[in-house]
Amino acid sequence: MSDALRIPIPALGFSLGVFTALSFLLCVALGLVVPSAELHKPWLQFLPGFEWLTWRGLLIGLVWTQVYSWYTAVAFGGLFNIFASRAAARR
């Protein structure tokens, strides 16, 4: 197992968390610049409790981006590490 490639889950979680938070903030900023694009509609579907253009909605959006990011990091990173260690054990 020592020669198996492993993904450090905390590093992946923090990386995804920062990436999704910045993407969310950029999307909100773009929605302010181009309001006719209605970029907020997908957020209403995927972020429970999200409200467009409120401080509460912004905070809720940032919290949900972290929840989804860490879920992805734990699920993907964990599965990758399991399958990588199994593949290395077969060698």
PDB file of N, CA and C in Angstrom:
ATOM      1  N   MET A   1       0.829  -1.198   0.000  1.00  0.00           N
ATOM      2  CA  MET A   1       0.000   0.000   0.000  1.00  0.00           C
ATOM      3  C   MET A   1       0.863   1.247   0.000  1.00  0.00           C
ATOM      4  N   SER A   2       2.124   1.134   0.345  1.00  0.00           N
ATOM      5  CA  SER A   2       2.976   2.308   0.406  1.00  0.00           C
ATOM      6  C   SER A   2       3.251   2.893  -0.964  1.00  0.00           C
ATOM      7  N   ASP A   3       3.179   2.064  -2.039  1.00  0.00           N
ATOM      8  CA  ASP A   3       3.431   2.593  -3.370  1.00  0.00           C
ATOM      9  C   ASP A   3       2.149   3.041  -4.073  1.00  0.00           C
ATOM     10  N   ALA A   4       1.025   2.962  -3.391  1.00  0.00           N
ATOM     11  CA  ALA A   4      -0.247   3.397  -3.970  1.00  0.00           C
ATOM     12  C   ALA A   4      -0.344   4.919  -3.947  1.00  0.00           C
ATOM     13  N   LEU A   5      -0.833   5.446  -5.037  1.00  0.00           N
ATOM     14  CA  LEU A   5      -1.092   6.878  -5.108  1.00  0.00           C
ATOM     15  C   LEU A   5      -2.299   7.191  -4.239  1.00  0.00           C
ATOM     16  N   ARG A   6      -2.167   8.183  -3.356  1.00  0.00           N
ATOM     17  CA  ARG A   6      -3.260   8.536  -2.451  1.00  0.00           C
ATOM     18  C   ARG A   6      -3.581  10.017  -2.588  1.00  0.00           C
ATOM     19  N   ILE A   7      -4.835  10.341  -2.435  1.00  0.00           N
ATOM     20  CA  ILE A   7      -5.269  11.734  -2.428  1.00  0.00           C
ATOM     21  C   ILE A   7      -5.473  12.144  -0.979  1.00  0.00           C
ATOM     22  N   PRO A   8      -4.784  13.202  -0.523  1.00  0.00           N
ATOM     23  CA  PRO A   8      -5.027  13.674   0.845  1.00  0.00           C
ATOM     24  C   PRO A   8      -6.392  14.372   0.904  1.00  0.00           C
ATOM     25  N   ILE A   9      -7.317  13.768   1.610  1.00  0.00           N
ATOM     26  CA  ILE A   9      -8.699  14.254   1.630  1.00  0.00           C
ATOM     27  C   ILE A   9      -8.818  15.673   2.203  1.00  0.00           C
ATOM     28  N   PRO A  10      -8.124  16.031   3.280  1.00  0.00           N
ATOM     29  CA  PRO A  10      -8.236  17.423   3.760  1.00  0.00           C
ATOM     30  C   PRO A  10      -7.764  18.448   2.726  1.00  0.00           C
ATOM     31  N   ALA A  11      -6.679  18.152   2.036  1.00  0.00           N
ATOM     32  CA  ALA A  11      -6.197  19.082   1.003  1.00  0.00           C
ATOM     33  C   ALA A  11      -7.216  19.198  -0.128  1.00  0.00           C
ATOM     34  N   LEU A  12      -7.800  18.086  -0.521  1.00  0.00           N
ATOM     35  CA  LEU A  12      -8.820  18.103  -1.564  1.00  0.00           C
ATOM     36  C   LEU A  12     -10.054  18.878  -1.099  1.00  0.00           C
ATOM     37  N   GLY A  13     -10.468  18.665   0.147  1.00  0.00           N
ATOM     38  CA  GLY A  13     -11.639  19.366   0.685  1.00  0.00           C
ATOM     39  C   GLY A  13     -11.439  20.874   0.727  1.00  0.00           C
ATOM     40  N   PHE A  14     -10.268  21.302   1.222  1.00  0.00           N
ATOM     41  CA  PHE A  14     -10.003  22.741   1.270  1.00  0.00           C
ATOM     42  C   PHE A  14      -9.885  23.333  -0.132  1.00  0.00           C
ATOM     43  N   SER A  15      -9.253  22.613  -1.043  1.00  0.00           N
ATOM     44  CA  SER A  15      -9.107  23.101  -2.419  1.00  0.00           C
ATOM     45  C   SER A  15     -10.469  23.253  -3.095  1.00  0.00           C
ATOM     46  N   LEU A  16     -11.289  22.232  -2.984  1.00  0.00           N
ATOM     47  CA  LEU A  16     -12.627  22.305  -3.570  1.00  0.00           C
ATOM     48  C   LEU A  16     -13.474  23.384  -2.893  1.00  0.00           C
ATOM     49  N   GLY A  17     -13.323  23.524  -1.578  1.00  0.00           N
ATOM     50  CA  GLY A  17     -14.087  24.526  -0.847  1.00  0.00           C
ATOM     51  C   GLY A  17     -13.765  25.939  -1.302  1.00  0.00           C
ATOM     52  N   VAL A  18     -12.484  26.233  -1.457  1.00  0.00           N
ATOM     53  CA  VAL A  18     -12.091  27.568  -1.924  1.00  0.00           C
ATOM     54  C   VAL A  18     -12.543  27.779  -3.366  1.00  0.00           C
ATOM     55  N   PHE A  19     -12.351  26.762  -4.201  1.00  0.00           N
ATOM     56  CA  PHE A  19     -12.754  26.871  -5.608  1.00  0.00           C
ATOM     57  C   PHE A  19     -14.252  27.126  -5.752  1.00  0.00           C
ATOM     58  N   THR A  20     -15.081  26.351  -5.049  1.00  0.00           N
ATOM     59  CA  THR A  20     -16.528  26.532  -5.188  1.00  0.00           C
ATOM     60  C   THR A  20     -17.007  27.834  -4.563  1.00  0.00           C
ATOM     61  N   ALA A  21     -16.390  28.260  -3.466  1.00  0.00           N
ATOM     62  CA  ALA A  21     -16.768  29.537  -2.863  1.00  0.00           C
ATOM     63  C   ALA A  21     -16.450  30.696  -3.810  1.00  0.00           C
ATOM     64  N   LEU A  22     -15.252  30.666  -4.399  1.00  0.00           N
ATOM     65  CA  LEU A  22     -14.899  31.725  -5.358  1.00  0.00           C
ATOM     66  C   LEU A  22     -15.797  31.687  -6.587  1.00  0.00           C
ATOM     67  N   SER A  23     -16.106  30.495  -7.070  1.00  0.00           N
ATOM     68  CA  SER A  23     -17.007  30.370  -8.221  1.00  0.00           C
ATOM     69  C   SER A  23     -18.391  30.916  -7.894  1.00  0.00           C
ATOM     70  N   PHE A  24     -18.877  30.604  -6.705  1.00  0.00           N
ATOM     71  CA  PHE A  24     -20.181  31.108  -6.267  1.00  0.00           C
ATOM     72  C   PHE A  24     -20.174  32.640  -6.203  1.00  0.00           C
ATOM     73  N   LEU A  25     -19.134  33.209  -5.585  1.00  0.00           N
ATOM     74  CA  LEU A  25     -19.048  34.669  -5.466  1.00  0.00           C
ATOM     75  C   LEU A  25     -18.921  35.332  -6.834  1.00  0.00           C
ATOM     76  N   LEU A  26     -18.162  34.733  -7.746  1.00  0.00           N
ATOM     77  CA  LEU A  26     -18.052  35.281  -9.097  1.00  0.00           C
ATOM     78  C   LEU A  26     -19.389  35.219  -9.829  1.00  0.00           C
ATOM     79  N   CYS A  27     -20.124  34.151  -9.616  1.00  0.00           N
ATOM     80  CA  CYS A  27     -21.437  34.021 -10.252  1.00  0.00           C
ATOM     81  C   CYS A  27     -22.411  35.064  -9.706  1.00  0.00           C
ATOM     82  N   VAL A  28     -22.367  35.296  -8.393  1.00  0.00           N
ATOM     83  CA  VAL A  28     -23.224  36.332  -7.799  1.00  0.00           C
ATOM     84  C   VAL A  28     -22.835  37.701  -8.347  1.00  0.00           C
ATOM     85  N   ALA A  29     -21.534  37.973  -8.454  1.00  0.00           N
ATOM     86  CA  ALA A  29     -21.076  39.251  -8.997  1.00  0.00           C
ATOM     87  C   ALA A  29     -21.514  39.410 -10.448  1.00  0.00           C
ATOM     88  N   LEU A  30     -21.402  38.349 -11.236  1.00  0.00           N
ATOM     89  CA  LEU A  30     -21.849  38.413 -12.625  1.00  0.00           C
ATOM     90  C   LEU A  30     -23.354  38.625 -12.695  1.00  0.00           C
ATOM     91  N   GLY A  31     -24.093  38.022 -11.780  1.00  0.00           N
ATOM     92  CA  GLY A  31     -25.537  38.228 -11.730  1.00  0.00           C
ATOM     93  C   GLY A  31     -25.911  39.667 -11.428  1.00  0.00           C
ATOM     94  N   LEU A  32     -25.060  40.366 -10.685  1.00  0.00           N
ATOM     95  CA  LEU A  32     -25.298  41.787 -10.422  1.00  0.00           C
ATOM     96  C   LEU A  32     -25.011  42.635 -11.655  1.00  0.00           C
ATOM     97  N   VAL A  33     -24.011  42.239 -12.423  1.00  0.00           N
ATOM     98  CA  VAL A  33     -23.635  42.986 -13.620  1.00  0.00           C
ATOM     99  C   VAL A  33     -24.626  42.734 -14.751  1.00  0.00           C
ATOM    100  N   VAL A  34     -25.080  41.494 -14.886  1.00  0.00           N
ATOM    101  CA  VAL A  34     -26.003  41.119 -15.960  1.00  0.00           C
ATOM    102  C   VAL A  34     -27.246  40.486 -15.338  1.00  0.00           C
ATOM    103  N   PRO A  35     -28.119  41.305 -14.753  1.00  0.00           N
ATOM    104  CA  PRO A  35     -29.281  40.731 -14.059  1.00  0.00           C
ATOM    105  C   PRO A  35     -30.250  39.990 -14.979  1.00  0.00           C
ATOM    106  N   SER A  36     -30.269  40.330 -16.261  1.00  0.00           N
ATOM    107  CA  SER A  36     -31.199  39.673 -17.181  1.00  0.00           C
ATOM    108  C   SER A  36     -30.824  38.215 -17.438  1.00  0.00           C
ATOM    109  N   ALA A  37     -29.612  37.820 -17.085  1.00  0.00           N
ATOM    110  CA  ALA A  37     -29.186  36.427 -17.288  1.00  0.00           C
ATOM    111  C   ALA A  37     -29.824  35.477 -16.279  1.00  0.00           C
ATOM    112  N   GLU A  38     -30.375  36.007 -15.200  1.00  0.00           N
ATOM    113  CA  GLU A  38     -31.049  35.214 -14.163  1.00  0.00           C
ATOM    114  C   GLU A  38     -30.165  34.066 -13.666  1.00  0.00           C
ATOM    115  N   LEU A  39     -28.925  34.391 -13.331  1.00  0.00           N
ATOM    116  CA  LEU A  39     -27.977  33.384 -12.875  1.00  0.00           C
ATOM    117  C   LEU A  39     -28.310  32.831 -11.497  1.00  0.00           C
ATOM    118  N   HIS A  40     -29.213  33.462 -10.796  1.00  0.00           N
ATOM    119  CA  HIS A  40     -29.553  33.013  -9.448  1.00  0.00           C
ATOM    120  C   HIS A  40     -30.489  31.806  -9.441  1.00  0.00           C
ATOM    121  N   LYS A  41     -31.166  31.541 -10.541  1.00  0.00           N
ATOM    122  CA  LYS A  41     -32.164  30.467 -10.541  1.00  0.00           C
ATOM    123  C   LYS A  41     -31.588  29.084 -10.215  1.00  0.00           C
ATOM    124  N   PRO A  42     -30.437  28.692 -10.767  1.00  0.00           N
ATOM    125  CA  PRO A  42     -29.895  27.386 -10.352  1.00  0.00           C
ATOM    126  C   PRO A  42     -29.553  27.331  -8.862  1.00  0.00           C
ATOM    127  N   TRP A  43     -29.085  28.443  -8.303  1.00  0.00           N
ATOM    128  CA  TRP A  43     -28.748  28.451  -6.871  1.00  0.00           C
ATOM    129  C   TRP A  43     -29.997  28.194  -6.039  1.00  0.00           C
ATOM    130  N   LEU A  44     -31.135  28.693  -6.468  1.00  0.00           N
ATOM    131  CA  LEU A  44     -32.380  28.476  -5.726  1.00  0.00           C
ATOM    132  C   LEU A  44     -32.729  26.989  -5.670  1.00  0.00           C
ATOM    133  N   GLN A  45     -32.348  26.245  -6.713  1.00  0.00           N
ATOM    134  CA  GLN A  45     -32.641  24.811  -6.760  1.00  0.00           C
ATOM    135  C   GLN A  45     -31.671  23.991  -5.907  1.00  0.00           C
ATOM    136  N   PHE A  46     -30.402  24.365  -5.915  1.00  0.00           N
ATOM    137  CA  PHE A  46     -29.377  23.513  -5.316  1.00  0.00           C
ATOM    138  C   PHE A  46     -28.928  23.933  -3.926  1.00  0.00           C
ATOM    139  N   LEU A  47     -29.293  25.130  -3.501  1.00  0.00           N
ATOM    140  CA  LEU A  47     -28.869  25.615  -2.187  1.00  0.00           C
ATOM    141  C   LEU A  47     -30.102  25.908  -1.337  1.00  0.00           C
ATOM    142  N   PRO A  48     -30.548  24.959  -0.531  1.00  0.00           N
ATOM    143  CA  PRO A  48     -31.739  25.169   0.292  1.00  0.00           C
ATOM    144  C   PRO A  48     -31.599  26.400   1.184  1.00  0.00           C
ATOM    145  N   GLY A  49     -32.608  27.246   1.182  1.00  0.00           N
ATOM    146  CA  GLY A  49     -32.609  28.447   2.003  1.00  0.00           C
ATOM    147  C   GLY A  49     -31.964  29.647   1.348  1.00  0.00           C
ATOM    148  N   PHE A  50     -31.415  29.470   0.140  1.00  0.00           N
ATOM    149  CA  PHE A  50     -30.739  30.565  -0.550  1.00  0.00           C
ATOM    150  C   PHE A  50     -31.733  31.638  -0.978  1.00  0.00           C
ATOM    151  N   GLU A  51     -31.362  32.884  -0.761  1.00  0.00           N
ATOM    152  CA  GLU A  51     -32.156  34.039  -1.195  1.00  0.00           C
ATOM    153  C   GLU A  51     -31.254  34.923  -2.045  1.00  0.00           C
ATOM    154  N   TRP A  52     -31.756  35.420  -3.127  1.00  0.00           N
ATOM    155  CA  TRP A  52     -30.960  36.242  -4.036  1.00  0.00           C
ATOM    156  C   TRP A  52     -30.784  37.647  -3.461  1.00  0.00           C
ATOM    157  N   LEU A  53     -29.543  38.086  -3.443  1.00  0.00           N
ATOM    158  CA  LEU A  53     -29.144  39.447  -3.065  1.00  0.00           C
ATOM    159  C   LEU A  53     -29.491  39.837  -1.627  1.00  0.00           C
ATOM    160  N   THR A  54     -29.274  38.901  -0.718  1.00  0.00           N
ATOM    161  CA  THR A  54     -29.359  39.232   0.708  1.00  0.00           C
ATOM    162  C   THR A  54     -28.086  38.713   1.368  1.00  0.00           C
ATOM    163  N   TRP A  55     -27.721  39.322   2.505  1.00  0.00           N
ATOM    164  CA  TRP A  55     -26.550  38.839   3.236  1.00  0.00           C
ATOM    165  C   TRP A  55     -26.777  37.419   3.727  1.00  0.00           C
ATOM    166  N   ARG A  56     -27.991  37.149   4.143  1.00  0.00           N
ATOM    167  CA  ARG A  56     -28.323  35.792   4.602  1.00  0.00           C
ATOM    168  C   ARG A  56     -28.171  34.796   3.459  1.00  0.00           C
ATOM    169  N   GLY A  57     -28.660  35.154   2.282  1.00  0.00           N
ATOM    170  CA  GLY A  57     -28.543  34.280   1.117  1.00  0.00           C
ATOM    171  C   GLY A  57     -27.093  34.045   0.719  1.00  0.00           C
ATOM    172  N   LEU A  58     -26.286  35.086   0.810  1.00  0.00           N
ATOM    173  CA  LEU A  58     -24.865  34.949   0.495  1.00  0.00           C
ATOM    174  C   LEU A  58     -24.189  33.995   1.475  1.00  0.00           C
ATOM    175  N   LEU A  59     -24.489  34.153   2.748  1.00  0.00           N
ATOM    176  CA  LEU A  59     -23.912  33.270   3.766  1.00  0.00           C
ATOM    177  C   LEU A  59     -24.375  31.823   3.579  1.00  0.00           C
ATOM    178  N   ILE A  60     -25.655  31.638   3.316  1.00  0.00           N
ATOM    179  CA  ILE A  60     -26.188  30.294   3.087  1.00  0.00           C
ATOM    180  C   ILE A  60     -25.529  29.671   1.862  1.00  0.00           C
ATOM    181  N   GLY A  61     -25.350  30.459   0.813  1.00  0.00           N
ATOM    182  CA  GLY A  61     -24.685  29.952  -0.389  1.00  0.00           C
ATOM    183  C   GLY A  61     -23.260  29.506  -0.105  1.00  0.00           C
ATOM    184  N   LEU A  62     -22.541  30.294   0.667  1.00  0.00           N
ATOM    185  CA  LEU A  62     -21.164  29.931   1.001  1.00  0.00           C
ATOM    186  C   LEU A  62     -21.105  28.680   1.872  1.00  0.00           C
ATOM    187  N   VAL A  63     -22.059  28.547   2.782  1.00  0.00           N
ATOM    188  CA  VAL A  63     -22.100  27.343   3.621  1.00  0.00           C
ATOM    189  C   VAL A  63     -22.370  26.109   2.763  1.00  0.00           C
ATOM    190  N   TRP A  64     -23.352  26.199   1.873  1.00  0.00           N
ATOM    191  CA  TRP A  64     -23.680  25.046   1.043  1.00  0.00           C
ATOM    192  C   TRP A  64     -22.553  24.691   0.085  1.00  0.00           C
ATOM    193  N   THR A  65     -21.804  25.681  -0.406  1.00  0.00           N
ATOM    194  CA  THR A  65     -20.674  25.344  -1.275  1.00  0.00           C
ATOM    195  C   THR A  65     -19.653  24.508  -0.507  1.00  0.00           C
ATOM    196  N   GLN A  66     -19.486  24.805   0.768  1.00  0.00           N
ATOM    197  CA  GLN A  66     -18.543  24.025   1.588  1.00  0.00           C
ATOM    198  C   GLN A  66     -19.082  22.626   1.854  1.00  0.00           C
ATOM    199  N   VAL A  67     -20.362  22.522   2.111  1.00  0.00           N
ATOM    200  CA  VAL A  67     -20.966  21.194   2.351  1.00  0.00           C
ATOM    201  C   VAL A  67     -20.782  20.313   1.119  1.00  0.00           C
ATOM    202  N   TYR A  68     -21.116  20.832  -0.054  1.00  0.00           N
ATOM    203  CA  TYR A  68     -20.983  20.055  -1.286  1.00  0.00           C
ATOM    204  C   TYR A  68     -19.518  19.743  -1.586  1.00  0.00           C
ATOM    205  N   SER A  69     -18.635  20.678  -1.327  1.00  0.00           N
ATOM    206  CA  SER A  69     -17.204  20.466  -1.587  1.00  0.00           C
ATOM    207  C   SER A  69     -16.643  19.363  -0.708  1.00  0.00           C
ATOM    208  N   TRP A  70     -16.957  19.413   0.575  1.00  0.00           N
ATOM    209  CA  TRP A  70     -16.427  18.399   1.488  1.00  0.00           C
ATOM    210  C   TRP A  70     -17.064  17.034   1.254  1.00  0.00           C
ATOM    211  N   TYR A  71     -18.327  17.017   0.886  1.00  0.00           N
ATOM    212  CA  TYR A  71     -18.961  15.748   0.517  1.00  0.00           C
ATOM    213  C   TYR A  71     -18.220  15.127  -0.671  1.00  0.00           C
ATOM    214  N   THR A  72     -17.941  15.944  -1.674  1.00  0.00           N
ATOM    215  CA  THR A  72     -17.219  15.471  -2.854  1.00  0.00           C
ATOM    216  C   THR A  72     -15.824  14.994  -2.484  1.00  0.00           C
ATOM    217  N   ALA A  73     -15.128  15.755  -1.651  1.00  0.00           N
ATOM    218  CA  ALA A  73     -13.764  15.384  -1.257  1.00  0.00           C
ATOM    219  C   ALA A  73     -13.749  14.058  -0.509  1.00  0.00           C
ATOM    220  N   VAL A  74     -14.653  13.890   0.433  1.00  0.00           N
ATOM    221  CA  VAL A  74     -14.680  12.658   1.226  1.00  0.00           C
ATOM    222  C   VAL A  74     -15.100  11.470   0.354  1.00  0.00           C
ATOM    223  N   ALA A  75     -16.139  11.656  -0.463  1.00  0.00           N
ATOM    224  CA  ALA A  75     -16.619  10.554  -1.294  1.00  0.00           C
ATOM    225  C   ALA A  75     -15.606  10.207  -2.382  1.00  0.00           C
ATOM    226  N   PHE A  76     -15.188  11.190  -3.157  1.00  0.00           N
ATOM    227  CA  PHE A  76     -14.262  10.914  -4.251  1.00  0.00           C
ATOM    228  C   PHE A  76     -12.885  10.508  -3.736  1.00  0.00           C
ATOM    229  N   GLY A  77     -12.354  11.277  -2.808  1.00  0.00           N
ATOM    230  CA  GLY A  77     -11.030  10.975  -2.269  1.00  0.00           C
ATOM    231  C   GLY A  77     -10.981   9.627  -1.579  1.00  0.00           C
ATOM    232  N   GLY A  78     -12.012   9.341  -0.795  1.00  0.00           N
ATOM    233  CA  GLY A  78     -12.065   8.055  -0.113  1.00  0.00           C
ATOM    234  C   GLY A  78     -12.146   6.888  -1.077  1.00  0.00           C
ATOM    235  N   LEU A  79     -13.029   7.005  -2.060  1.00  0.00           N
ATOM    236  CA  LEU A  79     -13.154   5.927  -3.047  1.00  0.00           C
ATOM    237  C   LEU A  79     -11.881   5.774  -3.868  1.00  0.00           C
ATOM    238  N   PHE A  80     -11.301   6.885  -4.268  1.00  0.00           N
ATOM    239  CA  PHE A  80     -10.055   6.825  -5.031  1.00  0.00           C
ATOM    240  C   PHE A  80      -8.971   6.109  -4.230  1.00  0.00           C
ATOM    241  N   ASN A  81      -8.839   6.476  -2.973  1.00  0.00           N
ATOM    242  CA  ASN A  81      -7.805   5.855  -2.129  1.00  0.00           C
ATOM    243  C   ASN A  81      -8.042   4.358  -1.949  1.00  0.00           C
ATOM    244  N   ILE A  82      -9.283   3.958  -1.820  1.00  0.00           N
ATOM    245  CA  ILE A  82      -9.597   2.533  -1.685  1.00  0.00           C
ATOM    246  C   ILE A  82      -9.211   1.778  -2.960  1.00  0.00           C
ATOM    247  N   PHE A  83      -9.641   2.292  -4.106  1.00  0.00           N
ATOM    248  CA  PHE A  83      -9.371   1.594  -5.359  1.00  0.00           C
ATOM    249  C   PHE A  83      -7.886   1.642  -5.721  1.00  0.00           C
ATOM    250  N   ALA A  84      -7.214   2.734  -5.411  1.00  0.00           N
ATOM    251  CA  ALA A  84      -5.775   2.826  -5.680  1.00  0.00           C
ATOM    252  C   ALA A  84      -5.000   1.837  -4.825  1.00  0.00           C
ATOM    253  N   SER A  85      -5.381   1.694  -3.566  1.00  0.00           N
ATOM    254  CA  SER A  85      -4.661   0.741  -2.707  1.00  0.00           C
ATOM    255  C   SER A  85      -4.923  -0.699  -3.152  1.00  0.00           C
ATOM    256  N   ARG A  86      -6.143  -0.980  -3.621  1.00  0.00           N
ATOM    257  CA  ARG A  86      -6.432  -2.327  -4.127  1.00  0.00           C
ATOM    258  C   ARG A  86      -5.627  -2.622  -5.390  1.00  0.00           C
ATOM    259  N   ALA A  87      -5.538  -1.629  -6.260  1.00  0.00           N
ATOM    260  CA  ALA A  87      -4.773  -1.818  -7.501  1.00  0.00           C
ATOM    261  C   ALA A  87      -3.293  -2.010  -7.184  1.00  0.00           C
ATOM    262  N   ALA A  88      -2.771  -1.287  -6.205  1.00  0.00           N
ATOM    263  CA  ALA A  88      -1.360  -1.429  -5.831  1.00  0.00           C
ATOM    264  C   ALA A  88      -1.107  -2.780  -5.182  1.00  0.00           C
ATOM    265  N   ALA A  89      -2.106  -3.301  -4.456  1.00  0.00           N
ATOM    266  CA  ALA A  89      -1.934  -4.608  -3.808  1.00  0.00           C
ATOM    267  C   ALA A  89      -1.880  -5.741  -4.835  1.00  0.00           C
ATOM    268  N   ARG A  90      -2.506  -5.549  -5.987  1.00  0.00           N
ATOM    269  CA  ARG A  90      -2.517  -6.569  -7.033  1.00  0.00           C
ATOM    270  C   ARG A  90      -1.200  -6.629  -7.791  1.00  0.00           C
ATOM    271  N   ARG A  91      -0.411  -5.577  -7.715  1.00  0.00           N
ATOM    272  CA  ARG A  91       0.856  -5.545  -8.474  1.00  0.00           C
ATOM    273  C   ARG A  91       1.873  -6.439  -7.905  1.00  0.00           C
TER     274      ARG A  91
END
